[in-house]
Each structure stands twice: as structure tokens, then as C-alpha cells.
Amino acid sequence: MKSFLKNPFIRFILIGSAIYLGWYFLYEYYLKPSTRFDDYIIDSLVRIAEGELQFFGYQITDYASIDGPLRGHVGIEGSKGVTIGAPCDGFVLLALFLAFIVAFPGPWKHRAWFIPVGLISIHLFNSLRVAALAIIVHINEAWLAFNHDYTFTLIVYSFVFMLWWIWVKKFSGTDSRKS
């Protein structure tokens, strides 16, 4: 049994699954029903996306009268804008990223900085997705569903995969070419 648990693949699957399941139950049974955790993540995405849109010269719509202090809408003046819901706030991606990095072998000295940098990078990348969706709605609202469901799902998951790849190849110490 001990040799079974020393297998790196088995350890990765067990640790990764335990972290993900722990996160899932914590989120579904505590954070989601008892806190405003998603609201804070969504508000952060909205504020960052608004800044990105303004940086590129777009006039944003003020949704403060609809949303209140924690906002869930972002849009460009003259369009309907987009609404960000809990499934699209990127929290699942953050949890998957975290589970992978913790479960995959590697030194803690690298995890200590790679995890926060990765989580922040994913959040910022997700805010770019939100800003891009607001631009798409501004150009042609009919394009929103396809780009939300397919284009940006592929792009965001590819970004997370790239971060995993960087961890495996550069920082985990498991790259076979190094040994």
C-alpha cells in the first residue's frame, strides 16, 4: 500500500481531488449561501474591466443605480453591457489552478510566489475577457453567446493550462530534461 501512495501520479490524483472536493464543499455549503464572496470577486472584475475599457477609450455605462455598491454589470455607453454571474467570476478556475499547483510535486519556495502570481494573473485575464465581451456586445449583441460559450472558454482555459505548463516545466523540478 505504501508503494502505491508513493507513485507520483496516484499522489497527484488523490491530493488534487481532495483539494478540489474540499473547495467544492466549502464553496457550495458555506461560501455561496452564507457570504457575499462571489459578489466581491464580481465587483472586482467589473471595476478592473471598466478601467481596461476606459484605458482603450470607451465610455462606460454607470450601473451603480442598478447594482449598488457591489456591481455585477459592465458595459459601453450605448449598449446593453454584460452581467457577470457567479458561474463566470472565475472562482472555479482559481480553485483548479490552486489544486493543480499544490498537488503537483515541486518546492514550496516556488509555490509561495507562483500561487499568488497565478491567481492574480487568472483574475486579471478574466477581467480582460469581461471587457472583451462588453466590446463584443457594443459591436454586435448577437455575437455574445458564441464568444462567451466557446471562444473565451477556450482562451481562458488555455491560459490556465499555460500556467500549469510553466509550473511543470520551469518550477516543479520534475522536467525529465533537467535530470
C-alpha atoms as a PDB file:
ATOM      1  CA  MET A   1       0.000   0.000   0.000  1.00  0.00           C
ATOM      2  CA  LYS A   2       2.858   2.413   0.804  1.00  0.00           C
ATOM      3  CA  SER A   3       4.426   1.952  -2.628  1.00  0.00           C
ATOM      4  CA  PHE A   4       1.011   2.671  -4.166  1.00  0.00           C
ATOM      5  CA  LEU A   5       0.871   6.038  -2.343  1.00  0.00           C
ATOM      6  CA  LYS A   6       4.451   6.875  -3.330  1.00  0.00           C
ATOM      7  CA  ASN A   7       3.503   6.777  -7.006  1.00  0.00           C
ATOM      8  CA  PRO A   8       3.617  10.469  -8.082  1.00  0.00           C
ATOM      9  CA  PHE A   9       0.606  10.112 -10.384  1.00  0.00           C
ATOM     10  CA  ILE A  10      -1.544   8.499  -7.673  1.00  0.00           C
ATOM     11  CA  ARG A  11      -0.453  11.140  -5.138  1.00  0.00           C
ATOM     12  CA  PHE A  12      -1.285  13.916  -7.624  1.00  0.00           C
ATOM     13  CA  ILE A  13      -4.761  12.480  -8.285  1.00  0.00           C
ATOM     14  CA  LEU A  14      -5.501  11.928  -4.582  1.00  0.00           C
ATOM     15  CA  ILE A  15      -4.201  15.307  -3.379  1.00  0.00           C
ATOM     16  CA  GLY A  16      -5.736  17.217  -6.290  1.00  0.00           C
ATOM     17  CA  SER A  17      -9.090  15.503  -5.829  1.00  0.00           C
ATOM     18  CA  ALA A  18      -9.071  16.096  -2.073  1.00  0.00           C
ATOM     19  CA  ILE A  19      -8.306  19.797  -2.534  1.00  0.00           C
ATOM     20  CA  TYR A  20     -10.925  20.214  -5.236  1.00  0.00           C
ATOM     21  CA  LEU A  21     -13.604  18.331  -3.282  1.00  0.00           C
ATOM     22  CA  GLY A  22     -12.750  20.287  -0.128  1.00  0.00           C
ATOM     23  CA  TRP A  23     -13.055  23.535  -2.049  1.00  0.00           C
ATOM     24  CA  TYR A  24     -16.310  22.387  -3.673  1.00  0.00           C
ATOM     25  CA  PHE A  25     -17.993  21.563  -0.364  1.00  0.00           C
ATOM     26  CA  LEU A  26     -16.655  24.696   1.334  1.00  0.00           C
ATOM     27  CA  TYR A  27     -17.924  26.825  -1.548  1.00  0.00           C
ATOM     28  CA  GLU A  28     -21.295  25.127  -2.108  1.00  0.00           C
ATOM     29  CA  TYR A  29     -22.261  24.733   1.539  1.00  0.00           C
ATOM     30  CA  TYR A  30     -20.661  27.740   3.195  1.00  0.00           C
ATOM     31  CA  LEU A  31     -19.240  30.486   0.954  1.00  0.00           C
ATOM     32  CA  LYS A  32     -22.012  30.587  -1.641  1.00  0.00           C
ATOM     33  CA  PRO A  33     -25.054  30.534   0.661  1.00  0.00           C
ATOM     34  CA  SER A  34     -23.586  32.336   3.688  1.00  0.00           C
ATOM     35  CA  THR A  35     -21.291  35.011   2.315  1.00  0.00           C
ATOM     36  CA  ARG A  36     -21.016  37.602  -0.420  1.00  0.00           C
ATOM     37  CA  PHE A  37     -17.729  36.113  -1.623  1.00  0.00           C
ATOM     38  CA  ASP A  38     -18.837  35.885  -5.274  1.00  0.00           C
ATOM     39  CA  ASP A  39     -20.182  39.439  -5.127  1.00  0.00           C
ATOM     40  CA  TYR A  40     -16.748  40.746  -4.127  1.00  0.00           C
ATOM     41  CA  ILE A  41     -14.993  38.810  -6.899  1.00  0.00           C
ATOM     42  CA  ILE A  42     -17.552  40.015  -9.455  1.00  0.00           C
ATOM     43  CA  ASP A  43     -17.277  43.617  -8.245  1.00  0.00           C
ATOM     44  CA  SER A  44     -13.503  43.402  -8.618  1.00  0.00           C
ATOM     45  CA  LEU A  45     -13.878  42.041 -12.173  1.00  0.00           C
ATOM     46  CA  VAL A  46     -16.284  44.861 -13.059  1.00  0.00           C
ATOM     47  CA  ARG A  47     -14.015  47.590 -11.688  1.00  0.00           C
ATOM     48  CA  ILE A  48     -10.923  46.215 -13.430  1.00  0.00           C
ATOM     49  CA  ALA A  49     -12.812  45.688 -16.730  1.00  0.00           C
ATOM     50  CA  GLU A  50     -14.157  49.248 -16.530  1.00  0.00           C
ATOM     51  CA  GLY A  51     -10.612  50.538 -16.112  1.00  0.00           C
ATOM     52  CA  GLU A  52      -9.450  48.477 -19.087  1.00  0.00           C
ATOM     53  CA  LEU A  53     -12.300  49.766 -21.247  1.00  0.00           C
ATOM     54  CA  GLN A  54     -11.597  53.363 -20.249  1.00  0.00           C
ATOM     55  CA  PHE A  55      -7.899  52.839 -20.982  1.00  0.00           C
ATOM     56  CA  PHE A  56      -8.851  51.887 -24.545  1.00  0.00           C
ATOM     57  CA  GLY A  57     -11.030  54.977 -24.877  1.00  0.00           C
ATOM     58  CA  TYR A  58     -14.502  53.571 -24.296  1.00  0.00           C
ATOM     59  CA  GLN A  59     -17.129  55.482 -22.329  1.00  0.00           C
ATOM     60  CA  ILE A  60     -18.618  53.090 -19.793  1.00  0.00           C
ATOM     61  CA  THR A  61     -22.190  52.910 -18.600  1.00  0.00           C
ATOM     62  CA  ASP A  62     -22.701  53.651 -14.915  1.00  0.00           C
ATOM     63  CA  TYR A  63     -24.681  50.765 -13.393  1.00  0.00           C
ATOM     64  CA  ALA A  64     -24.354  52.000  -9.793  1.00  0.00           C
ATOM     65  CA  SER A  65     -28.076  52.813  -9.609  1.00  0.00           C
ATOM     66  CA  ILE A  66     -28.918  49.225 -10.567  1.00  0.00           C
ATOM     67  CA  ASP A  67     -26.163  47.340  -8.748  1.00  0.00           C
ATOM     68  CA  GLY A  68     -25.466  49.394  -5.652  1.00  0.00           C
ATOM     69  CA  PRO A  69     -22.020  49.321  -4.051  1.00  0.00           C
ATOM     70  CA  LEU A  70     -21.094  45.827  -5.320  1.00  0.00           C
ATOM     71  CA  ARG A  71     -21.546  45.858  -9.058  1.00  0.00           C
ATOM     72  CA  GLY A  72     -22.270  42.989 -11.428  1.00  0.00           C
ATOM     73  CA  HIS A  73     -22.704  44.804 -14.736  1.00  0.00           C
ATOM     74  CA  VAL A  74     -20.223  46.386 -17.121  1.00  0.00           C
ATOM     75  CA  GLY A  75     -20.932  47.978 -20.461  1.00  0.00           C
ATOM     76  CA  ILE A  76     -20.030  50.569 -23.001  1.00  0.00           C
ATOM     77  CA  GLU A  77     -22.240  53.632 -23.427  1.00  0.00           C
ATOM     78  CA  GLY A  78     -24.924  52.864 -25.998  1.00  0.00           C
ATOM     79  CA  SER A  79     -25.040  49.095 -25.443  1.00  0.00           C
ATOM     80  CA  LYS A  80     -26.758  46.738 -23.028  1.00  0.00           C
ATOM     81  CA  GLY A  81     -23.476  45.639 -21.477  1.00  0.00           C
ATOM     82  CA  VAL A  82     -22.852  42.297 -19.814  1.00  0.00           C
ATOM     83  CA  THR A  83     -23.918  40.824 -16.498  1.00  0.00           C
ATOM     84  CA  ILE A  84     -21.399  38.736 -14.588  1.00  0.00           C
ATOM     85  CA  GLY A  85     -22.860  35.894 -12.568  1.00  0.00           C
ATOM     86  CA  ALA A  86     -21.216  33.610 -10.029  1.00  0.00           C
ATOM     87  CA  PRO A  87     -20.530  30.859 -12.603  1.00  0.00           C
ATOM     88  CA  CYS A  88     -18.478  33.340 -14.661  1.00  0.00           C
ATOM     89  CA  ASP A  89     -16.463  35.002 -11.924  1.00  0.00           C
ATOM     90  CA  GLY A  90     -13.546  32.611 -12.429  1.00  0.00           C
ATOM     91  CA  PHE A  91     -13.598  31.142  -8.934  1.00  0.00           C
ATOM     92  CA  VAL A  92     -13.687  27.583 -10.295  1.00  0.00           C
ATOM     93  CA  LEU A  93     -10.602  28.318 -12.392  1.00  0.00           C
ATOM     94  CA  LEU A  94      -8.819  29.745  -9.378  1.00  0.00           C
ATOM     95  CA  ALA A  95      -9.619  26.599  -7.381  1.00  0.00           C
ATOM     96  CA  LEU A  96      -8.498  24.281 -10.203  1.00  0.00           C
ATOM     97  CA  PHE A  97      -5.254  26.191 -10.598  1.00  0.00           C
ATOM     98  CA  LEU A  98      -4.587  26.095  -6.867  1.00  0.00           C
ATOM     99  CA  ALA A  99      -5.390  22.371  -6.610  1.00  0.00           C
ATOM    100  CA  PHE A 100      -3.071  21.542  -9.506  1.00  0.00           C
ATOM    101  CA  ILE A 101      -0.117  23.532  -8.169  1.00  0.00           C
ATOM    102  CA  VAL A 102      -0.478  22.179  -4.633  1.00  0.00           C
ATOM    103  CA  ALA A 103      -0.995  18.583  -5.808  1.00  0.00           C
ATOM    104  CA  PHE A 104       1.809  18.552  -8.371  1.00  0.00           C
ATOM    105  CA  PRO A 105       5.320  17.999  -6.996  1.00  0.00           C
ATOM    106  CA  GLY A 106       7.554  20.978  -6.546  1.00  0.00           C
ATOM    107  CA  PRO A 107       9.356  23.054  -3.953  1.00  0.00           C
ATOM    108  CA  TRP A 108       7.289  25.184  -1.587  1.00  0.00           C
ATOM    109  CA  LYS A 109       9.665  28.107  -2.081  1.00  0.00           C
ATOM    110  CA  HIS A 110       8.355  28.370  -5.664  1.00  0.00           C
ATOM    111  CA  ARG A 111       4.737  27.635  -4.728  1.00  0.00           C
ATOM    112  CA  ALA A 112       4.840  30.517  -2.224  1.00  0.00           C
ATOM    113  CA  TRP A 113       5.146  33.058  -5.038  1.00  0.00           C
ATOM    114  CA  PHE A 114       3.766  31.118  -8.042  1.00  0.00           C
ATOM    115  CA  ILE A 115       0.332  30.536  -6.492  1.00  0.00           C
ATOM    116  CA  PRO A 116      -0.419  34.220  -5.742  1.00  0.00           C
ATOM    117  CA  VAL A 117       1.030  35.340  -9.087  1.00  0.00           C
ATOM    118  CA  GLY A 118      -1.051  32.703 -10.890  1.00  0.00           C
ATOM    119  CA  LEU A 119      -4.273  33.556  -9.036  1.00  0.00           C
ATOM    120  CA  ILE A 120      -3.848  37.275  -9.727  1.00  0.00           C
ATOM    121  CA  SER A 121      -2.964  36.566 -13.366  1.00  0.00           C
ATOM    122  CA  ILE A 122      -6.086  34.443 -13.854  1.00  0.00           C
ATOM    123  CA  HIS A 123      -8.266  37.132 -12.257  1.00  0.00           C
ATOM    124  CA  LEU A 124      -6.757  39.849 -14.466  1.00  0.00           C
ATOM    125  CA  PHE A 125      -7.084  37.650 -17.546  1.00  0.00           C
ATOM    126  CA  ASN A 126     -10.739  37.045 -16.653  1.00  0.00           C
ATOM    127  CA  SER A 127     -11.259  40.818 -16.394  1.00  0.00           C
ATOM    128  CA  LEU A 128      -9.885  41.151 -19.944  1.00  0.00           C
ATOM    129  CA  ARG A 129     -12.447  38.541 -21.004  1.00  0.00           C
ATOM    130  CA  VAL A 130     -15.229  40.595 -19.388  1.00  0.00           C
ATOM    131  CA  ALA A 131     -14.014  43.786 -21.099  1.00  0.00           C
ATOM    132  CA  ALA A 132     -13.790  41.982 -24.452  1.00  0.00           C
ATOM    133  CA  LEU A 133     -17.336  40.649 -24.028  1.00  0.00           C
ATOM    134  CA  ALA A 134     -18.540  44.195 -23.303  1.00  0.00           C
ATOM    135  CA  ILE A 135     -16.864  45.341 -26.543  1.00  0.00           C
ATOM    136  CA  ILE A 136     -18.481  42.458 -28.430  1.00  0.00           C
ATOM    137  CA  VAL A 137     -21.920  43.437 -27.102  1.00  0.00           C
ATOM    138  CA  HIS A 138     -21.212  47.029 -28.120  1.00  0.00           C
ATOM    139  CA  ILE A 139     -20.324  45.939 -31.673  1.00  0.00           C
ATOM    140  CA  ASN A 140     -22.980  43.244 -32.159  1.00  0.00           C
ATOM    141  CA  GLU A 141     -25.002  41.755 -29.303  1.00  0.00           C
ATOM    142  CA  ALA A 142     -25.785  38.647 -31.355  1.00  0.00           C
ATOM    143  CA  TRP A 143     -22.122  37.612 -31.126  1.00  0.00           C
ATOM    144  CA  LEU A 144     -22.141  37.452 -27.322  1.00  0.00           C
ATOM    145  CA  ALA A 145     -23.436  33.905 -26.745  1.00  0.00           C
ATOM    146  CA  PHE A 146     -20.994  32.195 -29.098  1.00  0.00           C
ATOM    147  CA  ASN A 147     -17.977  34.138 -27.869  1.00  0.00           C
ATOM    148  CA  HIS A 148     -18.921  33.699 -24.206  1.00  0.00           C
ATOM    149  CA  ASP A 149     -19.622  29.984 -24.523  1.00  0.00           C
ATOM    150  CA  TYR A 150     -16.847  28.919 -26.898  1.00  0.00           C
ATOM    151  CA  THR A 151     -14.194  31.477 -27.813  1.00  0.00           C
ATOM    152  CA  PHE A 152     -13.432  32.787 -24.351  1.00  0.00           C
ATOM    153  CA  THR A 153     -13.901  29.444 -22.624  1.00  0.00           C
ATOM    154  CA  LEU A 154     -11.167  28.044 -24.870  1.00  0.00           C
ATOM    155  CA  ILE A 155      -8.945  31.097 -24.386  1.00  0.00           C
ATOM    156  CA  VAL A 156      -9.266  31.260 -20.583  1.00  0.00           C
ATOM    157  CA  TYR A 157      -8.775  27.517 -20.054  1.00  0.00           C
ATOM    158  CA  SER A 158      -5.771  27.656 -22.406  1.00  0.00           C
ATOM    159  CA  PHE A 159      -4.312  30.432 -20.253  1.00  0.00           C
ATOM    160  CA  VAL A 160      -4.725  28.324 -17.103  1.00  0.00           C
ATOM    161  CA  PHE A 161      -3.207  25.327 -18.903  1.00  0.00           C
ATOM    162  CA  MET A 162      -0.256  27.529 -19.918  1.00  0.00           C
ATOM    163  CA  LEU A 163       0.295  28.460 -16.253  1.00  0.00           C
ATOM    164  CA  TRP A 164       0.230  24.753 -15.324  1.00  0.00           C
ATOM    165  CA  TRP A 165       2.692  24.012 -18.109  1.00  0.00           C
ATOM    166  CA  ILE A 166       5.021  26.766 -16.858  1.00  0.00           C
ATOM    167  CA  TRP A 167       4.821  25.272 -13.361  1.00  0.00           C
ATOM    168  CA  VAL A 168       5.643  21.760 -14.599  1.00  0.00           C
ATOM    169  CA  LYS A 169       8.440  22.785 -16.963  1.00  0.00           C
ATOM    170  CA  LYS A 170      10.103  25.635 -15.080  1.00  0.00           C
ATOM    171  CA  PHE A 171       9.429  25.410 -11.357  1.00  0.00           C
ATOM    172  CA  SER A 172       8.295  21.951 -10.241  1.00  0.00           C
ATOM    173  CA  GLY A 173      11.679  20.326 -10.728  1.00  0.00           C
ATOM    174  CA  THR A 174      10.081  17.309 -12.416  1.00  0.00           C
ATOM    175  CA  ASP A 175      11.027  18.066 -16.029  1.00  0.00           C
ATOM    176  CA  SER A 176      12.810  14.944 -17.294  1.00  0.00           C
ATOM    177  CA  ARG A 177      15.160  17.013 -19.472  1.00  0.00           C
ATOM    178  CA  LYS A 178      16.652  18.587 -16.324  1.00  0.00           C
ATOM    179  CA  SER A 179      17.534  15.257 -14.747  1.00  0.00           C
END
